[in-house]
Amino acid sequence: MKQISNAINNFGQDDIRTIETSESYRLEIDGQEIIIGPDDVEIATEDIPGWSVANQDNITVALDLTITQVLQEEGLARELINRIQNLRKDKGLQVTDRILLHIENNDMTNPAFKNFEDYICTETLADLRFEDSLNDSEAETFDLLEGVGVKLAMEKTQGIKM
């Protein structure tokens, strides 16, 4: 039994697939043929931390779900763009109207907004200005993610880049 167990523990993907898809699997232990059926073994899979794995037929796909700093920053930039686009719509601005965005400095969001500034500006037809503080009566506060917000003020410009 110990030799059979060792042989099974050393199976590769092809061996496992053969057991899953056929009536029997033949092993040779000390010159003796051993026949193993799908009911003789338990095939289990374990998730790899940080990965999502899916199998279908003979295809296995593994996705790395690790959120890098760059992905996190891009996500914040995309959330900001979404809020800006909705605010533009709420203010009745035309799709082609250029805007100036005043964004209150925030240690949690500034790195993302500055690293993706060109992307934000292109997607929203905006120019960005980072301010130490914004007047509450003129600014709007949005939650981008749980616990991460942004305070900004928007004004329509005459299409002149500032």
Protein backbone atom coordinates (compact mmCIF):
# COMPACT_ATOMS: atom_id res chain seq x y z
CA MET A 1 0.00 0.00 0.00
CA LYS A 2 2.85 2.38 0.84
CA GLN A 3 4.39 1.92 -2.63
CA ILE A 4 1.01 2.48 -4.30
CA SER A 5 0.46 5.60 -2.20
CA ASN A 6 3.90 6.95 -3.16
CA ALA A 7 3.24 6.26 -6.84
CA ILE A 8 -0.12 8.07 -6.71
CA ASN A 9 1.40 11.04 -4.85
CA ASN A 10 3.89 11.42 -7.69
CA PHE A 11 1.22 11.50 -10.42
CA GLY A 12 1.39 14.30 -12.95
CA GLN A 13 -1.51 16.04 -14.68
CA ASP A 14 -1.68 13.40 -17.43
CA ASP A 15 -1.92 10.57 -14.89
CA ILE A 16 -4.69 12.36 -12.98
CA ARG A 17 -6.58 13.13 -16.18
CA THR A 18 -6.34 9.45 -17.22
CA ILE A 19 -7.86 8.32 -13.91
CA GLU A 20 -10.63 10.92 -14.20
CA THR A 21 -11.56 9.97 -17.79
CA SER A 22 -11.07 6.21 -17.96
CA GLU A 23 -12.41 3.11 -16.24
CA SER A 24 -9.01 2.10 -14.94
CA TYR A 25 -5.40 3.09 -14.57
CA ARG A 26 -2.58 0.56 -14.58
CA LEU A 27 0.38 0.86 -12.25
CA GLU A 28 3.37 -1.43 -12.03
CA ILE A 29 4.74 -1.94 -8.53
CA ASP A 30 7.65 -4.37 -8.06
CA GLY A 31 6.86 -6.04 -11.37
CA GLN A 32 3.23 -6.57 -10.45
CA GLU A 33 0.41 -4.81 -12.31
CA ILE A 34 -2.03 -2.89 -10.08
CA ILE A 35 -5.31 -1.59 -11.53
CA ILE A 36 -6.77 1.54 -9.98
CA GLY A 37 -10.24 2.85 -10.77
CA PRO A 38 -11.73 6.32 -10.23
CA ASP A 39 -13.46 5.02 -7.09
CA ASP A 40 -10.11 3.97 -5.58
CA VAL A 41 -8.72 7.49 -5.36
CA GLU A 42 -9.90 10.87 -4.20
CA ILE A 43 -8.83 13.74 -6.43
CA ALA A 44 -8.84 17.07 -4.66
CA THR A 45 -7.68 20.50 -5.71
CA GLU A 46 -6.45 23.30 -3.52
CA ASP A 47 -6.62 26.97 -4.28
CA ILE A 48 -3.33 28.75 -4.56
CA PRO A 49 -3.48 31.85 -2.34
CA GLY A 50 -3.97 34.92 -4.53
CA TRP A 51 -5.01 32.90 -7.57
CA SER A 52 -8.34 31.79 -9.03
CA VAL A 53 -8.20 28.55 -10.99
CA ALA A 54 -10.91 27.13 -13.25
CA ASN A 55 -10.93 23.86 -15.20
CA GLN A 56 -13.07 22.85 -18.12
CA ASP A 57 -12.41 19.81 -20.27
CA ASN A 58 -8.65 19.77 -20.83
CA ILE A 59 -8.13 23.48 -20.21
CA THR A 60 -7.03 25.05 -16.94
CA VAL A 61 -6.96 28.81 -16.50
CA ALA A 62 -5.30 30.48 -13.52
CA LEU A 63 -5.72 34.17 -12.76
CA ASP A 64 -3.44 36.08 -10.43
CA LEU A 65 -5.81 38.14 -8.23
CA THR A 66 -3.07 40.12 -6.54
CA ILE A 67 -3.92 43.81 -6.49
CA THR A 68 -0.71 45.72 -7.18
CA GLN A 69 -0.18 49.36 -6.30
CA VAL A 70 -0.55 50.32 -9.97
CA LEU A 71 -3.85 48.42 -10.29
CA GLN A 72 -5.12 50.05 -7.11
CA GLU A 73 -4.21 53.50 -8.42
CA GLU A 74 -5.83 52.79 -11.80
CA GLY A 75 -8.98 51.68 -10.00
CA LEU A 76 -9.12 54.95 -8.07
CA ALA A 77 -8.58 56.91 -11.28
CA ARG A 78 -11.40 55.00 -13.01
CA GLU A 79 -13.74 55.61 -10.06
CA LEU A 80 -12.90 59.32 -10.19
CA ILE A 81 -13.62 59.41 -13.93
CA ASN A 82 -16.98 57.76 -13.32
CA ARG A 83 -17.93 60.36 -10.67
CA ILE A 84 -16.77 63.23 -12.89
CA GLN A 85 -18.76 61.95 -15.88
CA ASN A 86 -21.89 61.65 -13.72
CA LEU A 87 -21.31 65.15 -12.31
CA ARG A 88 -20.87 66.54 -15.83
CA LYS A 89 -24.20 64.97 -16.80
CA ASP A 90 -25.92 66.28 -13.64
CA LYS A 91 -24.68 69.82 -14.43
CA GLY A 92 -26.01 69.60 -17.99
CA LEU A 93 -22.62 69.92 -19.66
CA GLN A 94 -22.17 68.90 -23.26
CA VAL A 95 -19.94 65.95 -24.17
CA THR A 96 -17.46 68.35 -25.80
CA ASP A 97 -17.33 70.91 -22.96
CA ARG A 98 -13.92 71.26 -21.35
CA ILE A 99 -13.79 71.56 -17.58
CA LEU A 100 -11.38 72.58 -14.86
CA LEU A 101 -11.32 70.30 -11.83
CA HIS A 102 -10.12 71.51 -8.48
CA ILE A 103 -9.23 68.47 -6.37
CA GLU A 104 -8.53 68.78 -2.69
CA ASN A 105 -5.18 67.26 -1.74
CA ASN A 106 -5.51 63.90 -0.07
CA ASP A 107 -2.64 61.55 0.78
CA MET A 108 -4.75 58.50 -0.11
CA THR A 109 -5.73 59.65 -3.61
CA ASN A 110 -3.10 62.14 -4.81
CA PRO A 111 -0.55 59.51 -5.93
CA ALA A 112 -3.17 57.74 -8.06
CA PHE A 113 -4.59 60.92 -9.54
CA LYS A 114 -1.16 62.32 -10.35
CA ASN A 115 0.11 59.03 -11.85
CA PHE A 116 -3.02 58.76 -14.02
CA GLU A 117 -3.53 62.48 -14.60
CA ASP A 118 -3.25 62.28 -18.39
CA TYR A 119 -5.77 59.44 -18.50
CA ILE A 120 -8.21 61.30 -16.23
CA CYS A 121 -7.87 64.51 -18.25
CA THR A 122 -8.34 62.74 -21.58
CA GLU A 123 -11.40 60.78 -20.46
CA THR A 124 -13.14 63.79 -18.88
CA LEU A 125 -11.91 66.68 -21.07
CA ALA A 126 -10.55 68.22 -17.90
CA ASP A 127 -7.55 70.05 -16.57
CA LEU A 128 -6.66 69.23 -12.97
CA ARG A 129 -5.58 71.54 -10.20
CA PHE A 130 -4.69 70.14 -6.81
CA GLU A 131 -5.67 72.47 -3.98
CA ASP A 132 -4.83 72.42 -0.26
CA SER A 133 -8.49 72.97 0.61
CA LEU A 134 -11.80 73.61 -1.14
CA ASN A 135 -14.78 75.62 0.01
CA ASP A 136 -17.53 73.24 1.16
CA SER A 137 -20.24 75.31 -0.54
CA GLU A 138 -18.58 74.99 -3.96
CA ALA A 139 -17.12 71.48 -3.69
CA GLU A 140 -18.68 68.04 -3.79
CA THR A 141 -17.46 65.01 -1.88
CA PHE A 142 -17.61 61.54 -3.39
CA ASP A 143 -16.77 58.12 -2.00
CA LEU A 144 -14.60 56.29 -4.51
CA LEU A 145 -14.11 53.15 -2.45
CA GLU A 146 -15.05 52.28 1.09
CA GLY A 147 -13.11 54.70 3.28
CA VAL A 148 -11.59 56.55 0.32
CA GLY A 149 -13.17 59.79 -0.79
CA VAL A 150 -12.41 62.79 -2.92
CA LYS A 151 -13.49 66.42 -2.66
CA LEU A 152 -13.64 68.33 -5.92
CA ALA A 153 -15.10 71.38 -7.59
CA MET A 154 -15.84 71.58 -11.30
CA GLU A 155 -16.14 74.54 -13.62
CA LYS A 156 -16.69 74.79 -17.33
CA THR A 157 -13.84 76.42 -19.26
CA GLN A 158 -13.71 78.01 -22.68
CA GLY A 159 -11.66 75.17 -24.13
CA ILE A 160 -8.32 76.77 -23.32
CA LYS A 161 -5.89 74.37 -21.67
CA MET A 162 -4.68 75.75 -18.36
